């Protein structure tokens, strides 16, 4: 499955690395694509369960909440 978020506080390549590594540490996450210019994160993961809340929580804990939160 795939889910996409627009996030806040993404400022540099170090931020991209933090988001990427943080999300890849979650079980079942296969790929993470982060666009620094648009602050959009795309997460590709295995399974058929919607994990939007789990990913949003992880992003928030890393300091990159969903836009508008």
C-alpha atoms as a PDB file:
ATOM      1  CA  UNK A   1       0.000   0.000   0.000  1.00  0.00           C
ATOM      2  CA  UNK A   2       0.969   3.617  -0.293  1.00  0.00           C
ATOM      3  CA  UNK A   3       0.205   6.737   1.705  1.00  0.00           C
ATOM      4  CA  UNK A   4       1.309  10.337   1.268  1.00  0.00           C
ATOM      5  CA  UNK A   5       1.661  13.199   3.730  1.00  0.00           C
ATOM      6  CA  UNK A   6       2.577  16.858   3.493  1.00  0.00           C
ATOM      7  CA  UNK A   7       4.667  17.615   6.584  1.00  0.00           C
ATOM      8  CA  UNK A   8       6.031  20.629   8.421  1.00  0.00           C
ATOM      9  CA  UNK A   9       9.579  21.595   9.515  1.00  0.00           C
ATOM     10  CA  UNK A  10      11.380  19.927   6.589  1.00  0.00           C
ATOM     11  CA  UNK A  11      14.322  22.244   5.953  1.00  0.00           C
ATOM     12  CA  UNK A  12      17.393  20.311   4.794  1.00  0.00           C
ATOM     13  CA  UNK A  13      18.804  16.977   3.659  1.00  0.00           C
ATOM     14  CA  UNK A  14      19.438  16.065   7.301  1.00  0.00           C
ATOM     15  CA  UNK A  15      15.703  16.402   7.918  1.00  0.00           C
ATOM     16  CA  UNK A  16      15.026  14.178   4.917  1.00  0.00           C
ATOM     17  CA  UNK A  17      17.395  11.552   6.337  1.00  0.00           C
ATOM     18  CA  UNK A  18      15.739  11.705   9.779  1.00  0.00           C
ATOM     19  CA  UNK A  19      12.268  11.227   8.294  1.00  0.00           C
ATOM     20  CA  UNK A  20      13.404   8.467   5.948  1.00  0.00           C
ATOM     21  CA  UNK A  21      15.284   6.473   8.593  1.00  0.00           C
ATOM     22  CA  UNK A  22      12.552   6.968  11.191  1.00  0.00           C
ATOM     23  CA  UNK A  23       9.841   5.628   8.923  1.00  0.00           C
ATOM     24  CA  UNK A  24      11.989   2.781   7.588  1.00  0.00           C
ATOM     25  CA  UNK A  25      12.429   1.599  11.188  1.00  0.00           C
ATOM     26  CA  UNK A  26       8.730   0.671  11.310  1.00  0.00           C
ATOM     27  CA  UNK A  27       7.781  -2.925  10.492  1.00  0.00           C
ATOM     28  CA  UNK A  28       6.539  -3.453   6.957  1.00  0.00           C
ATOM     29  CA  UNK A  29       7.725  -0.122   5.550  1.00  0.00           C
ATOM     30  CA  UNK A  30       9.430  -0.917   2.258  1.00  0.00           C
ATOM     31  CA  UNK A  31      10.200   2.497   0.760  1.00  0.00           C
ATOM     32  CA  UNK A  32      10.122   6.129   1.831  1.00  0.00           C
ATOM     33  CA  UNK A  33      10.369   9.006  -0.632  1.00  0.00           C
ATOM     34  CA  UNK A  34      10.768  12.531   0.733  1.00  0.00           C
ATOM     35  CA  UNK A  35      10.571  15.617  -1.508  1.00  0.00           C
ATOM     36  CA  UNK A  36      12.463  18.437   0.189  1.00  0.00           C
ATOM     37  CA  UNK A  37      11.026  21.160  -2.067  1.00  0.00           C
ATOM     38  CA  UNK A  38       7.360  20.256  -1.512  1.00  0.00           C
ATOM     39  CA  UNK A  39       7.626  18.687   1.983  1.00  0.00           C
ATOM     40  CA  UNK A  40       5.741  15.631   0.742  1.00  0.00           C
ATOM     41  CA  UNK A  41       6.500  12.171   2.134  1.00  0.00           C
ATOM     42  CA  UNK A  42       5.384   9.016   0.333  1.00  0.00           C
ATOM     43  CA  UNK A  43       5.423   5.751   2.277  1.00  0.00           C
ATOM     44  CA  UNK A  44       5.153   2.375   0.577  1.00  0.00           C
ATOM     45  CA  UNK A  45       4.418  -0.518   2.920  1.00  0.00           C
ATOM     46  CA  UNK A  46       3.278  -4.114   2.931  1.00  0.00           C
ATOM     47  CA  UNK A  47      -0.141  -5.268   4.032  1.00  0.00           C
ATOM     48  CA  UNK A  48      -3.691  -4.156   3.407  1.00  0.00           C
ATOM     49  CA  UNK A  49      -4.267  -2.264   6.662  1.00  0.00           C
ATOM     50  CA  UNK A  50      -4.489   1.528   6.671  1.00  0.00           C
ATOM     51  CA  UNK A  51      -1.598   2.713   8.856  1.00  0.00           C
ATOM     52  CA  UNK A  52      -2.076   6.456   8.346  1.00  0.00           C
ATOM     53  CA  UNK A  53      -2.442   7.193  12.063  1.00  0.00           C
ATOM     54  CA  UNK A  54       0.666   5.167  12.932  1.00  0.00           C
ATOM     55  CA  UNK A  55       2.768   6.988  10.343  1.00  0.00           C
ATOM     56  CA  UNK A  56       1.413  10.395  11.364  1.00  0.00           C
ATOM     57  CA  UNK A  57       2.265   9.645  14.985  1.00  0.00           C
ATOM     58  CA  UNK A  58       5.806   8.581  14.068  1.00  0.00           C
ATOM     59  CA  UNK A  59       6.343  11.720  11.978  1.00  0.00           C
ATOM     60  CA  UNK A  60       5.098  13.889  14.840  1.00  0.00           C
ATOM     61  CA  UNK A  61       7.426  12.167  17.309  1.00  0.00           C
ATOM     62  CA  UNK A  62      10.332  12.870  14.946  1.00  0.00           C
ATOM     63  CA  UNK A  63       9.401  16.571  14.904  1.00  0.00           C
ATOM     64  CA  UNK A  64       7.755  16.606  11.462  1.00  0.00           C
ATOM     65  CA  UNK A  65       3.979  16.693  12.017  1.00  0.00           C
ATOM     66  CA  UNK A  66       1.451  16.549   9.211  1.00  0.00           C
ATOM     67  CA  UNK A  67       0.851  20.004   7.742  1.00  0.00           C
ATOM     68  CA  UNK A  68      -1.828  21.821   9.704  1.00  0.00           C
ATOM     69  CA  UNK A  69      -1.361  19.935  12.977  1.00  0.00           C
END
